[in-house]
Structure formats: structure tokens, C-alpha cells
């Protein structure tokens, strides 16, 4: 969700005649600690050699570092919102062995998670801050997000908007939060409207496509004549394993190729 929010904000920023190069005028204290925090988080989640205790410590430490940077830059409304979102995600992770609980729809069987996520159950703590909300765009993607993710996306969206604006508007520290809100209001409303229109368009297209599928007449299914092939007569020198390999390929609809054991024996030509 965070990536999509940033991309949408960049698009709207260019529509408003903003530029990414204007970000050089946005002053964020200790911004490099954010990169360190993400690196720690990636290592904790993806390096399997790390035991559960160190995973828990490193995962939580990454969130603590991000929240620290957000507190230092709390004069910026966008970063303050991102700090609130990070705190909301930190709460369920700290209560559930360093993993974010995810509520999975019933139609998804045997879901798979990385080390940083877990299936939400009756024993899960702090469910209200977990990944509860499902956003499903048929044929495109399915995402589950939390309340904290919403604040993170909103804060990132606003930060990109402010950073892309000209120099006189880009330096957030020189503006009061009330003025910031006025600056953000227009792009936020445009973003919300864009998301609603996009979702409505996707739903309309998918509904029309489903109606089209319903109108297609399905003809009579072809008859399949079941035949039996005596492979032992075709390959008298093949052993049981080789014959089983050939029969498996034929059952799957493939043309059998050469049979190999320790060395090529003979080609299969049906």
C-alpha cells in the first residue's frame, strides 16, 4: 500500500507542476536512520540463520528507530502521521513475537507468509491494529492493510506532495501545521477522488467482462476415446521405472522423449 500511495502522489505532484528535484529543499533530521532501520528489518525477516530471539529484537528495533526519527521531525505534519502509523503497527508486532497478524479471507486456502507476518487467530493479541482491511481488485491484486498502514500511506502521500512543490512551499519547517493542512488538502482530495474513480472503473470493466463471459455459448465437449498402449511390446528392454516415466508423460499429454537412466537407451517415437 505504501508504494502505491507514493506512486499516486508522484503522479499528482507532476500534474500540479511539481518536480522530484524539489525534494532537496525538504529538511528531514537524521533521515539516514530510516535507511538503516529498513536494512535491519530486511535482514531480520529474510535471513533465516537469525534465531527467533534476535529476529524479535531486530524487528522491533527497526520500528523504534523509525519512530525516533518521526519524533525528531514531528514539526512536519506528514512525518508526524507516519510516526503515528508506525506506532500502530509496532503495537501488534511487539505483542505477537515480532510478527504482524493478518486476517485472511476464507476463500484463501493455506496462505503463505514471510517471517514478519502470521495468520490471525483467536489467540492473537491486539487484533484491532493488525492487517484487517482487504482491498481486492479482481484480476490485478489483493492487499490486506492495517489502520497504521493507512496513516503511513497518508503521511507519505502528503510528504511527497510537499516535497515536489516549489522552493517557497517545500521547506516544511518554516510553515505551521495549519498552513500545511491547507497546502495538503487539495492534493489529498484529488488523490482520494482518483482512487475512487479508478476503483469504480475497474469494477465496471470486470462486471462487463463477467457478463460477456456469461453470454458465450459453450459447445459440446469433445469425446475422448480412451485407448490403451502396451508399452512393454514397444520397449521390450525397458525396466519398470523407465516404463512408468513414459506412461506418466503420455498421461500428461506430452510426447515422450528419449528415456534416460545411466545412459541413453533408445528414443521414444509414438
C-alpha atoms as a PDB file:
ATOM      1  CA  UNK A   1       0.000   0.000   0.000  1.00  0.00           C
ATOM      2  CA  UNK A   2       2.844   2.416   0.807  1.00  0.00           C
ATOM      3  CA  UNK A   3       4.393   2.000  -2.642  1.00  0.00           C
ATOM      4  CA  UNK A   4       1.072   2.606  -4.414  1.00  0.00           C
ATOM      5  CA  UNK A   5       0.449   5.718  -2.291  1.00  0.00           C
ATOM      6  CA  UNK A   6       3.863   7.173  -3.147  1.00  0.00           C
ATOM      7  CA  UNK A   7       3.428   6.458  -6.874  1.00  0.00           C
ATOM      8  CA  UNK A   8      -0.008   8.084  -6.894  1.00  0.00           C
ATOM      9  CA  UNK A   9       1.370  11.113  -5.041  1.00  0.00           C
ATOM     10  CA  UNK A  10       4.230  11.498  -7.546  1.00  0.00           C
ATOM     11  CA  UNK A  11       1.769  11.400 -10.457  1.00  0.00           C
ATOM     12  CA  UNK A  12      -0.448  14.042  -8.842  1.00  0.00           C
ATOM     13  CA  UNK A  13       2.646  16.077  -7.989  1.00  0.00           C
ATOM     14  CA  UNK A  14       3.637  16.233 -11.651  1.00  0.00           C
ATOM     15  CA  UNK A  15       0.062  17.139 -12.608  1.00  0.00           C
ATOM     16  CA  UNK A  16       0.371  20.045 -10.165  1.00  0.00           C
ATOM     17  CA  UNK A  17       3.621  21.032 -11.968  1.00  0.00           C
ATOM     18  CA  UNK A  18       5.840  19.862  -9.151  1.00  0.00           C
ATOM     19  CA  UNK A  19       9.276  18.248  -9.526  1.00  0.00           C
ATOM     20  CA  UNK A  20      11.056  15.482  -7.614  1.00  0.00           C
ATOM     21  CA  UNK A  21      14.242  17.561  -7.631  1.00  0.00           C
ATOM     22  CA  UNK A  22      12.494  19.981  -5.253  1.00  0.00           C
ATOM     23  CA  UNK A  23      12.938  17.362  -2.523  1.00  0.00           C
ATOM     24  CA  UNK A  24      16.431  18.738  -1.957  1.00  0.00           C
ATOM     25  CA  UNK A  25      14.739  21.666  -0.180  1.00  0.00           C
ATOM     26  CA  UNK A  26      12.953  19.441   2.361  1.00  0.00           C
ATOM     27  CA  UNK A  27      14.972  19.177   5.568  1.00  0.00           C
ATOM     28  CA  UNK A  28      14.472  15.917   7.473  1.00  0.00           C
ATOM     29  CA  UNK A  29      16.691  15.457  10.507  1.00  0.00           C
ATOM     30  CA  UNK A  30      18.516  12.114  10.819  1.00  0.00           C
ATOM     31  CA  UNK A  31      16.846  10.853   7.639  1.00  0.00           C
ATOM     32  CA  UNK A  32      19.649   8.328   7.090  1.00  0.00           C
ATOM     33  CA  UNK A  33      18.477   6.372  10.162  1.00  0.00           C
ATOM     34  CA  UNK A  34      15.342   5.441   8.195  1.00  0.00           C
ATOM     35  CA  UNK A  35      17.518   3.626   5.645  1.00  0.00           C
ATOM     36  CA  UNK A  36      19.353   1.835   8.476  1.00  0.00           C
ATOM     37  CA  UNK A  37      16.036   0.795  10.017  1.00  0.00           C
ATOM     38  CA  UNK A  38      14.746  -0.682   6.742  1.00  0.00           C
ATOM     39  CA  UNK A  39      18.032  -2.554   6.281  1.00  0.00           C
ATOM     40  CA  UNK A  40      17.770  -4.038   9.786  1.00  0.00           C
ATOM     41  CA  UNK A  41      14.176  -5.050   9.104  1.00  0.00           C
ATOM     42  CA  UNK A  42      15.040  -6.749   5.801  1.00  0.00           C
ATOM     43  CA  UNK A  43      17.878  -8.689   7.427  1.00  0.00           C
ATOM     44  CA  UNK A  44      15.662  -9.796  10.317  1.00  0.00           C
ATOM     45  CA  UNK A  45      12.875 -11.011   8.034  1.00  0.00           C
ATOM     46  CA  UNK A  46      14.839 -12.632   5.217  1.00  0.00           C
ATOM     47  CA  UNK A  47      17.999 -14.046   6.816  1.00  0.00           C
ATOM     48  CA  UNK A  48      16.872 -17.458   8.030  1.00  0.00           C
ATOM     49  CA  UNK A  49      20.022 -18.070  10.105  1.00  0.00           C
ATOM     50  CA  UNK A  50      18.853 -15.487  12.659  1.00  0.00           C
ATOM     51  CA  UNK A  51      17.140 -17.169  15.606  1.00  0.00           C
ATOM     52  CA  UNK A  52      13.713 -16.142  16.917  1.00  0.00           C
ATOM     53  CA  UNK A  53      15.080 -14.021  19.765  1.00  0.00           C
ATOM     54  CA  UNK A  54      17.325 -11.911  17.554  1.00  0.00           C
ATOM     55  CA  UNK A  55      14.574 -11.659  14.956  1.00  0.00           C
ATOM     56  CA  UNK A  56      12.224 -10.242  17.580  1.00  0.00           C
ATOM     57  CA  UNK A  57      14.830  -7.741  18.831  1.00  0.00           C
ATOM     58  CA  UNK A  58      15.921  -6.593  15.365  1.00  0.00           C
ATOM     59  CA  UNK A  59      12.390  -6.287  14.004  1.00  0.00           C
ATOM     60  CA  UNK A  60      11.235  -4.166  16.925  1.00  0.00           C
ATOM     61  CA  UNK A  61      14.450  -2.126  16.859  1.00  0.00           C
ATOM     62  CA  UNK A  62      13.769  -1.123  13.261  1.00  0.00           C
ATOM     63  CA  UNK A  63      10.379   0.280  14.293  1.00  0.00           C
ATOM     64  CA  UNK A  64      11.854   2.090  17.295  1.00  0.00           C
ATOM     65  CA  UNK A  65      14.412   3.819  15.051  1.00  0.00           C
ATOM     66  CA  UNK A  66      11.706   4.939  12.607  1.00  0.00           C
ATOM     67  CA  UNK A  67       9.542   6.278  15.441  1.00  0.00           C
ATOM     68  CA  UNK A  68      12.548   8.129  16.888  1.00  0.00           C
ATOM     69  CA  UNK A  69      13.155   9.915  13.566  1.00  0.00           C
ATOM     70  CA  UNK A  70       9.450  10.767  13.328  1.00  0.00           C
ATOM     71  CA  UNK A  71       9.508  12.278  16.835  1.00  0.00           C
ATOM     72  CA  UNK A  72      12.573  14.378  15.961  1.00  0.00           C
ATOM     73  CA  UNK A  73      10.742  15.691  12.871  1.00  0.00           C
ATOM     74  CA  UNK A  74       7.292  15.979  14.459  1.00  0.00           C
ATOM     75  CA  UNK A  75       7.022  19.626  13.360  1.00  0.00           C
ATOM     76  CA  UNK A  76       6.201  18.255   9.903  1.00  0.00           C
ATOM     77  CA  UNK A  77       2.603  17.052   9.775  1.00  0.00           C
ATOM     78  CA  UNK A  78       3.310  14.393   7.142  1.00  0.00           C
ATOM     79  CA  UNK A  79       6.097  12.770   9.172  1.00  0.00           C
ATOM     80  CA  UNK A  80       4.042  13.035  12.362  1.00  0.00           C
ATOM     81  CA  UNK A  81       1.290  10.997  10.669  1.00  0.00           C
ATOM     82  CA  UNK A  82       3.839   8.427   9.543  1.00  0.00           C
ATOM     83  CA  UNK A  83       5.070   8.196  13.134  1.00  0.00           C
ATOM     84  CA  UNK A  84       1.529   7.501  14.345  1.00  0.00           C
ATOM     85  CA  UNK A  85       1.135   4.781  11.713  1.00  0.00           C
ATOM     86  CA  UNK A  86       4.455   3.210  12.686  1.00  0.00           C
ATOM     87  CA  UNK A  87       3.430   3.151  16.351  1.00  0.00           C
ATOM     88  CA  UNK A  88       0.107   1.484  15.464  1.00  0.00           C
ATOM     89  CA  UNK A  89       1.953  -1.249  13.568  1.00  0.00           C
ATOM     90  CA  UNK A  90       4.547  -1.591  16.324  1.00  0.00           C
ATOM     91  CA  UNK A  91       1.908  -2.489  18.929  1.00  0.00           C
ATOM     92  CA  UNK A  92       0.645  -5.800  17.438  1.00  0.00           C
ATOM     93  CA  UNK A  93       4.140  -6.797  16.321  1.00  0.00           C
ATOM     94  CA  UNK A  94       5.535  -6.386  19.834  1.00  0.00           C
ATOM     95  CA  UNK A  95       2.709  -8.496  21.334  1.00  0.00           C
ATOM     96  CA  UNK A  96       2.899 -11.328  18.755  1.00  0.00           C
ATOM     97  CA  UNK A  97       6.532 -12.476  18.733  1.00  0.00           C
ATOM     98  CA  UNK A  98       7.644  -9.822  16.283  1.00  0.00           C
ATOM     99  CA  UNK A  99       5.084 -10.688  13.606  1.00  0.00           C
ATOM    100  CA  UNK A 100       2.195  -8.703  12.158  1.00  0.00           C
ATOM    101  CA  UNK A 101      -1.079 -10.683  12.396  1.00  0.00           C
ATOM    102  CA  UNK A 102      -3.004 -10.885   9.131  1.00  0.00           C
ATOM    103  CA  UNK A 103      -6.707 -11.634   8.755  1.00  0.00           C
ATOM    104  CA  UNK A 104      -7.026 -13.889   5.719  1.00  0.00           C
ATOM    105  CA  UNK A 105     -10.318 -14.255   3.786  1.00  0.00           C
ATOM    106  CA  UNK A 106     -11.926 -17.683   3.988  1.00  0.00           C
ATOM    107  CA  UNK A 107     -11.594 -18.324   0.254  1.00  0.00           C
ATOM    108  CA  UNK A 108      -7.774 -18.269   0.538  1.00  0.00           C
ATOM    109  CA  UNK A 109      -6.649 -21.769   1.451  1.00  0.00           C
ATOM    110  CA  UNK A 110      -3.269 -22.413   3.050  1.00  0.00           C
ATOM    111  CA  UNK A 111      -1.908 -18.819   2.913  1.00  0.00           C
ATOM    112  CA  UNK A 112       1.850 -18.287   2.912  1.00  0.00           C
ATOM    113  CA  UNK A 113       3.610 -15.576   4.936  1.00  0.00           C
ATOM    114  CA  UNK A 114       7.133 -14.310   5.286  1.00  0.00           C
ATOM    115  CA  UNK A 115       8.782 -14.294   8.700  1.00  0.00           C
ATOM    116  CA  UNK A 116       7.378 -10.872   9.552  1.00  0.00           C
ATOM    117  CA  UNK A 117       3.709 -11.897   9.252  1.00  0.00           C
ATOM    118  CA  UNK A 118       1.441 -14.516  10.815  1.00  0.00           C
ATOM    119  CA  UNK A 119      -2.122 -15.785  10.473  1.00  0.00           C
ATOM    120  CA  UNK A 120      -4.560 -14.029  12.786  1.00  0.00           C
ATOM    121  CA  UNK A 121      -6.262 -16.492  15.152  1.00  0.00           C
ATOM    122  CA  UNK A 122      -8.425 -16.362  18.281  1.00  0.00           C
ATOM    123  CA  UNK A 123      -5.261 -16.261  20.394  1.00  0.00           C
ATOM    124  CA  UNK A 124      -3.796 -13.263  18.561  1.00  0.00           C
ATOM    125  CA  UNK A 125      -3.223 -10.171  20.708  1.00  0.00           C
ATOM    126  CA  UNK A 126      -4.019  -6.587  19.668  1.00  0.00           C
ATOM    127  CA  UNK A 127      -6.078  -7.686  16.660  1.00  0.00           C
ATOM    128  CA  UNK A 128      -7.515  -4.223  16.159  1.00  0.00           C
ATOM    129  CA  UNK A 129      -4.095  -2.959  15.000  1.00  0.00           C
ATOM    130  CA  UNK A 130      -3.393  -5.946  12.722  1.00  0.00           C
ATOM    131  CA  UNK A 131      -3.877  -6.278   8.979  1.00  0.00           C
ATOM    132  CA  UNK A 132      -7.675  -6.380   8.908  1.00  0.00           C
ATOM    133  CA  UNK A 133      -8.819  -4.466   5.853  1.00  0.00           C
ATOM    134  CA  UNK A 134      -8.952  -6.203   2.493  1.00  0.00           C
ATOM    135  CA  UNK A 135      -8.582  -4.354  -0.794  1.00  0.00           C
ATOM    136  CA  UNK A 136      -9.204  -6.674  -3.736  1.00  0.00           C
ATOM    137  CA  UNK A 137      -9.038  -5.572  -7.350  1.00  0.00           C
ATOM    138  CA  UNK A 138     -10.237  -8.559  -9.419  1.00  0.00           C
ATOM    139  CA  UNK A 139      -7.600  -9.801 -11.788  1.00  0.00           C
ATOM    140  CA  UNK A 140      -4.959  -7.372 -10.514  1.00  0.00           C
ATOM    141  CA  UNK A 141      -4.070  -7.791  -6.845  1.00  0.00           C
ATOM    142  CA  UNK A 142      -5.323  -8.411  -3.328  1.00  0.00           C
ATOM    143  CA  UNK A 143      -3.910  -6.434  -0.410  1.00  0.00           C
ATOM    144  CA  UNK A 144      -4.581  -6.512   3.326  1.00  0.00           C
ATOM    145  CA  UNK A 145      -3.666  -3.442   5.355  1.00  0.00           C
ATOM    146  CA  UNK A 146      -3.930  -2.125   8.905  1.00  0.00           C
ATOM    147  CA  UNK A 147      -5.024   1.158  10.471  1.00  0.00           C
ATOM    148  CA  UNK A 148      -1.352   2.004  10.862  1.00  0.00           C
ATOM    149  CA  UNK A 149      -0.761   1.410   7.157  1.00  0.00           C
ATOM    150  CA  UNK A 150      -3.459   3.978   6.376  1.00  0.00           C
ATOM    151  CA  UNK A 151      -1.635   6.650   8.403  1.00  0.00           C
ATOM    152  CA  UNK A 152       1.687   5.650   6.812  1.00  0.00           C
ATOM    153  CA  UNK A 153       0.286   5.962   3.288  1.00  0.00           C
ATOM    154  CA  UNK A 154      -1.413   9.269   4.078  1.00  0.00           C
ATOM    155  CA  UNK A 155       1.759  10.697   5.612  1.00  0.00           C
ATOM    156  CA  UNK A 156       3.942   9.515   2.718  1.00  0.00           C
ATOM    157  CA  UNK A 157       1.427  10.917   0.210  1.00  0.00           C
ATOM    158  CA  UNK A 158       1.474  14.316   1.901  1.00  0.00           C
ATOM    159  CA  UNK A 159       5.273  14.355   2.243  1.00  0.00           C
ATOM    160  CA  UNK A 160       5.740  13.679  -1.479  1.00  0.00           C
ATOM    161  CA  UNK A 161       3.263  16.419  -2.345  1.00  0.00           C
ATOM    162  CA  UNK A 162       5.021  18.937  -0.158  1.00  0.00           C
ATOM    163  CA  UNK A 163       8.468  17.915  -1.342  1.00  0.00           C
ATOM    164  CA  UNK A 164       7.615  18.228  -5.043  1.00  0.00           C
ATOM    165  CA  UNK A 165       6.260  21.756  -4.753  1.00  0.00           C
ATOM    166  CA  UNK A 166       8.424  24.830  -5.498  1.00  0.00           C
ATOM    167  CA  UNK A 167      11.039  26.047  -3.030  1.00  0.00           C
ATOM    168  CA  UNK A 168       8.794  28.555  -1.253  1.00  0.00           C
ATOM    169  CA  UNK A 169       6.383  25.758  -0.311  1.00  0.00           C
ATOM    170  CA  UNK A 170       8.812  22.848   0.047  1.00  0.00           C
ATOM    171  CA  UNK A 171      10.518  23.808   3.313  1.00  0.00           C
ATOM    172  CA  UNK A 172       8.024  22.369   5.777  1.00  0.00           C
ATOM    173  CA  UNK A 173       9.863  23.576   8.838  1.00  0.00           C
ATOM    174  CA  UNK A 174       9.066  27.190   8.005  1.00  0.00           C
ATOM    175  CA  UNK A 175       5.309  26.574   7.979  1.00  0.00           C
ATOM    176  CA  UNK A 176       2.845  25.961  10.749  1.00  0.00           C
ATOM    177  CA  UNK A 177       0.794  22.780  10.640  1.00  0.00           C
ATOM    178  CA  UNK A 178      -2.379  24.713   9.904  1.00  0.00           C
ATOM    179  CA  UNK A 179      -0.841  26.143   6.748  1.00  0.00           C
ATOM    180  CA  UNK A 180       0.479  22.712   5.840  1.00  0.00           C
ATOM    181  CA  UNK A 181      -3.014  21.266   6.025  1.00  0.00           C
ATOM    182  CA  UNK A 182      -4.272  23.896   3.591  1.00  0.00           C
ATOM    183  CA  UNK A 183      -1.442  23.021   1.246  1.00  0.00           C
ATOM    184  CA  UNK A 184      -2.163  19.301   1.502  1.00  0.00           C
ATOM    185  CA  UNK A 185      -5.949  19.468   1.274  1.00  0.00           C
ATOM    186  CA  UNK A 186      -6.218  19.885  -2.491  1.00  0.00           C
ATOM    187  CA  UNK A 187      -3.836  17.042  -3.499  1.00  0.00           C
ATOM    188  CA  UNK A 188      -5.302  14.724  -0.857  1.00  0.00           C
ATOM    189  CA  UNK A 189      -8.804  15.297  -2.204  1.00  0.00           C
ATOM    190  CA  UNK A 190      -7.546  14.794  -5.758  1.00  0.00           C
ATOM    191  CA  UNK A 191      -5.832  11.561  -4.694  1.00  0.00           C
ATOM    192  CA  UNK A 192      -8.939  10.229  -2.968  1.00  0.00           C
ATOM    193  CA  UNK A 193     -11.063  11.117  -5.995  1.00  0.00           C
ATOM    194  CA  UNK A 194      -8.543   9.428  -8.303  1.00  0.00           C
ATOM    195  CA  UNK A 195      -8.567   6.226  -6.251  1.00  0.00           C
ATOM    196  CA  UNK A 196     -12.381   6.159  -6.167  1.00  0.00           C
ATOM    197  CA  UNK A 197     -12.648   6.712  -9.922  1.00  0.00           C
ATOM    198  CA  UNK A 198     -10.005   4.085 -10.645  1.00  0.00           C
ATOM    199  CA  UNK A 199     -11.714   1.526  -8.401  1.00  0.00           C
ATOM    200  CA  UNK A 200     -15.096   2.308  -9.965  1.00  0.00           C
ATOM    201  CA  UNK A 201     -13.616   1.900 -13.449  1.00  0.00           C
ATOM    202  CA  UNK A 202     -12.022  -1.453 -12.595  1.00  0.00           C
ATOM    203  CA  UNK A 203     -15.249  -2.746 -11.036  1.00  0.00           C
ATOM    204  CA  UNK A 204     -17.241  -1.619 -14.103  1.00  0.00           C
ATOM    205  CA  UNK A 205     -14.833  -3.248 -16.558  1.00  0.00           C
ATOM    206  CA  UNK A 206     -14.749  -6.501 -14.588  1.00  0.00           C
ATOM    207  CA  UNK A 207     -18.555  -6.619 -14.313  1.00  0.00           C
ATOM    208  CA  UNK A 208     -18.899  -6.089 -18.065  1.00  0.00           C
ATOM    209  CA  UNK A 209     -16.302  -8.779 -18.704  1.00  0.00           C
ATOM    210  CA  UNK A 210     -18.161 -11.241 -16.458  1.00  0.00           C
ATOM    211  CA  UNK A 211     -21.404 -10.502 -18.305  1.00  0.00           C
ATOM    212  CA  UNK A 212     -19.610 -11.127 -21.583  1.00  0.00           C
ATOM    213  CA  UNK A 213     -18.381 -14.496 -20.342  1.00  0.00           C
ATOM    214  CA  UNK A 214     -21.925 -15.432 -19.366  1.00  0.00           C
ATOM    215  CA  UNK A 215     -23.133 -14.797 -22.924  1.00  0.00           C
ATOM    216  CA  UNK A 216     -20.576 -17.095 -24.513  1.00  0.00           C
ATOM    217  CA  UNK A 217     -22.180 -20.342 -25.588  1.00  0.00           C
ATOM    218  CA  UNK A 218     -20.174 -23.343 -24.617  1.00  0.00           C
ATOM    219  CA  UNK A 219     -20.332 -26.007 -27.342  1.00  0.00           C
ATOM    220  CA  UNK A 220     -20.477 -29.742 -26.816  1.00  0.00           C
ATOM    221  CA  UNK A 221     -17.386 -31.069 -25.197  1.00  0.00           C
ATOM    222  CA  UNK A 222     -15.367 -33.324 -27.479  1.00  0.00           C
ATOM    223  CA  UNK A 223     -15.464 -37.029 -26.875  1.00  0.00           C
ATOM    224  CA  UNK A 224     -12.257 -38.579 -25.742  1.00  0.00           C
ATOM    225  CA  UNK A 225     -11.618 -42.151 -26.767  1.00  0.00           C
ATOM    226  CA  UNK A 226      -9.666 -43.966 -24.148  1.00  0.00           C
ATOM    227  CA  UNK A 227      -7.015 -46.192 -25.631  1.00  0.00           C
ATOM    228  CA  UNK A 228      -4.519 -48.488 -24.032  1.00  0.00           C
ATOM    229  CA  UNK A 229      -0.966 -48.821 -25.273  1.00  0.00           C
ATOM    230  CA  UNK A 230       1.140 -51.853 -24.490  1.00  0.00           C
ATOM    231  CA  UNK A 231       4.471 -50.125 -23.795  1.00  0.00           C
ATOM    232  CA  UNK A 232       6.133 -53.402 -22.898  1.00  0.00           C
ATOM    233  CA  UNK A 233       5.825 -54.566 -26.511  1.00  0.00           C
ATOM    234  CA  UNK A 234       7.130 -51.242 -27.805  1.00  0.00           C
ATOM    235  CA  UNK A 235      10.047 -51.129 -25.374  1.00  0.00           C
ATOM    236  CA  UNK A 236      10.890 -54.749 -24.552  1.00  0.00           C
ATOM    237  CA  UNK A 237      14.252 -53.822 -22.992  1.00  0.00           C
ATOM    238  CA  UNK A 238      12.874 -51.092 -20.652  1.00  0.00           C
ATOM    239  CA  UNK A 239      12.629 -51.714 -16.946  1.00  0.00           C
ATOM    240  CA  UNK A 240       9.650 -50.778 -14.718  1.00  0.00           C
ATOM    241  CA  UNK A 241      10.973 -47.284 -13.844  1.00  0.00           C
ATOM    242  CA  UNK A 242      11.507 -46.367 -17.484  1.00  0.00           C
ATOM    243  CA  UNK A 243       8.040 -47.597 -18.485  1.00  0.00           C
ATOM    244  CA  UNK A 244       6.480 -45.623 -15.628  1.00  0.00           C
ATOM    245  CA  UNK A 245       8.252 -42.482 -16.879  1.00  0.00           C
ATOM    246  CA  UNK A 246       6.866 -42.911 -20.385  1.00  0.00           C
ATOM    247  CA  UNK A 247       3.327 -43.611 -19.158  1.00  0.00           C
ATOM    248  CA  UNK A 248       3.408 -40.520 -16.916  1.00  0.00           C
ATOM    249  CA  UNK A 249       4.436 -38.303 -19.834  1.00  0.00           C
ATOM    250  CA  UNK A 250       1.697 -39.713 -22.050  1.00  0.00           C
ATOM    251  CA  UNK A 251      -0.937 -39.231 -19.321  1.00  0.00           C
ATOM    252  CA  UNK A 252       0.088 -35.582 -19.037  1.00  0.00           C
ATOM    253  CA  UNK A 253      -0.329 -35.110 -22.776  1.00  0.00           C
ATOM    254  CA  UNK A 254       3.374 -34.821 -23.624  1.00  0.00           C
ATOM    255  CA  UNK A 255       5.152 -36.582 -26.439  1.00  0.00           C
ATOM    256  CA  UNK A 256       7.614 -38.899 -24.716  1.00  0.00           C
ATOM    257  CA  UNK A 257      11.255 -38.133 -25.403  1.00  0.00           C
ATOM    258  CA  UNK A 258      14.349 -40.306 -25.031  1.00  0.00           C
ATOM    259  CA  UNK A 259      14.404 -42.467 -21.897  1.00  0.00           C
ATOM    260  CA  UNK A 260      17.475 -41.977 -19.747  1.00  0.00           C
ATOM    261  CA  UNK A 261      18.769 -43.986 -16.869  1.00  0.00           C
ATOM    262  CA  UNK A 262      22.536 -44.104 -16.527  1.00  0.00           C
ATOM    263  CA  UNK A 263      22.918 -43.571 -20.245  1.00  0.00           C
ATOM    264  CA  UNK A 264      20.546 -43.108 -23.224  1.00  0.00           C
ATOM    265  CA  UNK A 265      18.866 -46.393 -24.033  1.00  0.00           C
ATOM    266  CA  UNK A 266      16.661 -45.625 -27.034  1.00  0.00           C
ATOM    267  CA  UNK A 267      14.388 -42.854 -28.347  1.00  0.00           C
ATOM    268  CA  UNK A 268      10.638 -42.854 -27.794  1.00  0.00           C
ATOM    269  CA  UNK A 269       8.764 -42.414 -31.034  1.00  0.00           C
ATOM    270  CA  UNK A 270       4.979 -42.820 -30.835  1.00  0.00           C
END
